[in-house]
Amino acid sequence: MDATIYGLIEIVVFFGGILAFCLWQLRVVRRSIAEDKARNQADGGQPAPPARRSAEDVFWDTVARPPRRD
């Protein structure tokens, strides 16, 4: 086989893999949004209570905060 054929096959497989991964991620995100919407409708449209923040989240929020200037 010619080297150009191998190159074309590689391009098709590479970009096909990227396209398949992107479509799979889009499907997962859409399913997650649909599940959240169904859960909210089952709860009477009330939003979910806020999640309790872990100590790690609080730590990183304080580290990321700019220093105070007094």
N, C-alpha and C. Protein backbone atom coordinates (compact mmCIF):
# COMPACT_ATOMS: atom_id res chain seq x y z
N MET A 1 0.84 -1.19 0.00
CA MET A 1 0.00 0.00 0.00
C MET A 1 0.88 1.24 0.00
N ASP A 2 0.32 2.26 -0.53
CA ASP A 2 1.02 3.52 -0.61
C ASP A 2 0.97 4.23 0.74
N ALA A 3 1.96 5.06 1.02
CA ALA A 3 2.03 5.78 2.29
C ALA A 3 0.89 6.78 2.43
N THR A 4 0.38 7.30 1.31
CA THR A 4 -0.74 8.25 1.40
C THR A 4 -2.01 7.56 1.89
N ILE A 5 -2.18 6.30 1.51
CA ILE A 5 -3.35 5.55 1.98
C ILE A 5 -3.28 5.38 3.50
N TYR A 6 -2.09 5.02 4.01
CA TYR A 6 -1.92 4.89 5.45
C TYR A 6 -2.18 6.23 6.16
N GLY A 7 -1.73 7.31 5.55
CA GLY A 7 -1.96 8.64 6.11
C GLY A 7 -3.44 8.97 6.16
N LEU A 8 -4.16 8.66 5.10
CA LEU A 8 -5.60 8.92 5.08
C LEU A 8 -6.33 8.07 6.11
N ILE A 9 -5.94 6.82 6.22
CA ILE A 9 -6.56 5.94 7.22
C ILE A 9 -6.30 6.49 8.62
N GLU A 10 -5.08 6.92 8.88
CA GLU A 10 -4.75 7.47 10.20
C GLU A 10 -5.57 8.72 10.50
N ILE A 11 -5.72 9.60 9.53
CA ILE A 11 -6.51 10.82 9.73
C ILE A 11 -7.97 10.48 10.01
N VAL A 12 -8.53 9.55 9.25
CA VAL A 12 -9.93 9.18 9.43
C VAL A 12 -10.13 8.55 10.81
N VAL A 13 -9.24 7.66 11.21
CA VAL A 13 -9.38 7.00 12.52
C VAL A 13 -9.20 8.01 13.64
N PHE A 14 -8.21 8.88 13.54
CA PHE A 14 -7.94 9.86 14.59
C PHE A 14 -9.11 10.82 14.76
N PHE A 15 -9.55 11.46 13.68
CA PHE A 15 -10.65 12.41 13.79
C PHE A 15 -11.98 11.71 14.05
N GLY A 16 -12.12 10.48 13.59
CA GLY A 16 -13.31 9.71 13.92
C GLY A 16 -13.39 9.42 15.40
N GLY A 17 -12.25 9.11 16.00
CA GLY A 17 -12.21 8.89 17.44
C GLY A 17 -12.55 10.15 18.22
N ILE A 18 -12.01 11.27 17.80
CA ILE A 18 -12.32 12.55 18.45
C ILE A 18 -13.80 12.86 18.31
N LEU A 19 -14.35 12.68 17.14
CA LEU A 19 -15.76 12.95 16.91
C LEU A 19 -16.63 12.02 17.75
N ALA A 20 -16.28 10.76 17.82
CA ALA A 20 -17.05 9.81 18.63
C ALA A 20 -17.01 10.20 20.11
N PHE A 21 -15.85 10.60 20.60
CA PHE A 21 -15.72 11.02 21.99
C PHE A 21 -16.57 12.26 22.27
N CYS A 22 -16.55 13.23 21.37
CA CYS A 22 -17.34 14.45 21.56
C CYS A 22 -18.84 14.13 21.56
N LEU A 23 -19.28 13.28 20.66
CA LEU A 23 -20.69 12.91 20.63
C LEU A 23 -21.09 12.16 21.89
N TRP A 24 -20.22 11.29 22.39
CA TRP A 24 -20.50 10.57 23.62
C TRP A 24 -20.63 11.54 24.79
N GLN A 25 -19.73 12.52 24.89
CA GLN A 25 -19.80 13.51 25.97
C GLN A 25 -21.08 14.33 25.87
N LEU A 26 -21.47 14.70 24.67
CA LEU A 26 -22.71 15.45 24.47
C LEU A 26 -23.90 14.63 24.93
N ARG A 27 -23.91 13.35 24.64
CA ARG A 27 -25.00 12.47 25.06
C ARG A 27 -25.06 12.37 26.58
N VAL A 28 -23.91 12.25 27.24
CA VAL A 28 -23.87 12.15 28.69
C VAL A 28 -24.39 13.44 29.33
N VAL A 29 -23.98 14.58 28.82
CA VAL A 29 -24.42 15.85 29.37
C VAL A 29 -25.92 16.03 29.18
N ARG A 30 -26.42 15.71 28.00
CA ARG A 30 -27.87 15.84 27.76
C ARG A 30 -28.66 14.91 28.67
N ARG A 31 -28.17 13.70 28.90
CA ARG A 31 -28.86 12.76 29.78
C ARG A 31 -28.87 13.30 31.21
N SER A 32 -27.76 13.88 31.64
CA SER A 32 -27.67 14.44 32.99
C SER A 32 -28.64 15.60 33.16
N ILE A 33 -28.75 16.45 32.16
CA ILE A 33 -29.68 17.57 32.22
C ILE A 33 -31.12 17.06 32.27
N ALA A 34 -31.43 16.05 31.49
CA ALA A 34 -32.78 15.48 31.49
C ALA A 34 -33.11 14.84 32.84
N GLU A 35 -32.14 14.15 33.45
CA GLU A 35 -32.37 13.55 34.76
C GLU A 35 -32.60 14.62 35.82
N ASP A 36 -31.83 15.70 35.76
CA ASP A 36 -32.03 16.80 36.72
C ASP A 36 -33.40 17.43 36.56
N LYS A 37 -33.82 17.60 35.32
CA LYS A 37 -35.13 18.19 35.06
C LYS A 37 -36.24 17.28 35.56
N ALA A 38 -36.11 15.97 35.33
CA ALA A 38 -37.12 15.02 35.80
C ALA A 38 -37.15 14.98 37.33
N ARG A 39 -35.99 15.05 37.96
CA ARG A 39 -35.92 15.04 39.42
C ARG A 39 -36.58 16.30 39.99
N ASN A 40 -36.35 17.45 39.36
CA ASN A 40 -36.97 18.69 39.83
C ASN A 40 -38.48 18.65 39.66
N GLN A 41 -38.97 18.07 38.59
CA GLN A 41 -40.41 17.97 38.38
C GLN A 41 -41.03 17.01 39.39
N ALA A 42 -40.32 15.95 39.74
CA ALA A 42 -40.83 14.99 40.71
C ALA A 42 -40.87 15.59 42.11
N ASP A 43 -39.98 16.54 42.39
CA ASP A 43 -39.93 17.20 43.69
C ASP A 43 -40.89 18.38 43.76
N GLY A 44 -41.70 18.57 42.77
CA GLY A 44 -42.64 19.68 42.76
C GLY A 44 -42.03 20.99 42.29
N GLY A 45 -40.95 20.91 41.57
CA GLY A 45 -40.32 22.10 41.02
C GLY A 45 -39.46 22.85 42.01
N GLN A 46 -39.26 22.31 43.18
CA GLN A 46 -38.42 22.96 44.18
C GLN A 46 -36.95 22.70 43.84
N PRO A 47 -36.12 23.73 43.92
CA PRO A 47 -34.69 23.50 43.66
C PRO A 47 -34.08 22.66 44.77
N ALA A 48 -33.04 21.97 44.43
CA ALA A 48 -32.36 21.12 45.41
C ALA A 48 -31.69 21.99 46.47
N PRO A 49 -31.65 21.51 47.70
CA PRO A 49 -30.99 22.30 48.74
C PRO A 49 -29.50 22.40 48.43
N PRO A 50 -28.88 23.48 48.87
CA PRO A 50 -27.44 23.62 48.57
C PRO A 50 -26.64 22.51 49.24
N ALA A 51 -25.65 22.06 48.55
CA ALA A 51 -24.80 20.99 49.08
C ALA A 51 -23.90 21.55 50.17
N ARG A 52 -23.62 20.74 51.15
CA ARG A 52 -22.73 21.17 52.22
C ARG A 52 -21.32 21.23 51.68
N ARG A 53 -20.63 22.29 51.99
CA ARG A 53 -19.28 22.46 51.47
C ARG A 53 -18.28 21.75 52.35
N SER A 54 -17.31 21.12 51.71
CA SER A 54 -16.29 20.40 52.46
C SER A 54 -15.22 21.39 52.94
N ALA A 55 -14.42 20.93 53.87
CA ALA A 55 -13.33 21.77 54.38
C ALA A 55 -12.33 22.09 53.27
N GLU A 56 -12.18 21.16 52.35
CA GLU A 56 -11.25 21.39 51.25
C GLU A 56 -11.75 22.52 50.35
N ASP A 57 -13.05 22.56 50.07
CA ASP A 57 -13.62 23.64 49.26
C ASP A 57 -13.41 24.99 49.93
N VAL A 58 -13.65 25.05 51.24
CA VAL A 58 -13.47 26.31 51.97
C VAL A 58 -12.02 26.73 51.93
N PHE A 59 -11.10 25.77 52.12
CA PHE A 59 -9.68 26.08 52.08
C PHE A 59 -9.28 26.68 50.74
N TRP A 60 -9.68 26.04 49.63
CA TRP A 60 -9.27 26.52 48.33
C TRP A 60 -9.93 27.85 47.99
N ASP A 61 -11.12 28.10 48.51
CA ASP A 61 -11.74 29.41 48.29
C ASP A 61 -10.96 30.50 49.00
N THR A 62 -10.46 30.22 50.20
CA THR A 62 -9.69 31.23 50.90
C THR A 62 -8.32 31.43 50.28
N VAL A 63 -7.74 30.38 49.73
CA VAL A 63 -6.45 30.52 49.06
C VAL A 63 -6.60 31.32 47.77
N ALA A 64 -7.69 31.13 47.07
CA ALA A 64 -7.89 31.80 45.80
C ALA A 64 -8.33 33.24 45.97
N ARG A 65 -8.78 33.61 47.15
CA ARG A 65 -9.24 34.98 47.39
C ARG A 65 -8.06 35.94 47.35
N PRO A 66 -8.20 37.10 46.71
CA PRO A 66 -7.10 38.04 46.69
C PRO A 66 -6.83 38.59 48.10
N PRO A 67 -5.62 38.98 48.38
CA PRO A 67 -5.31 39.48 49.73
C PRO A 67 -6.06 40.79 50.02
N ARG A 68 -6.41 40.95 51.30
CA ARG A 68 -7.10 42.18 51.70
C ARG A 68 -6.10 43.31 51.84
N ARG A 69 -6.54 44.49 51.48
CA ARG A 69 -5.69 45.67 51.62
C ARG A 69 -6.37 46.61 52.61
N ASP A 70 -5.82 46.68 53.77
CA ASP A 70 -6.41 47.54 54.82
C ASP A 70 -5.72 48.87 54.89
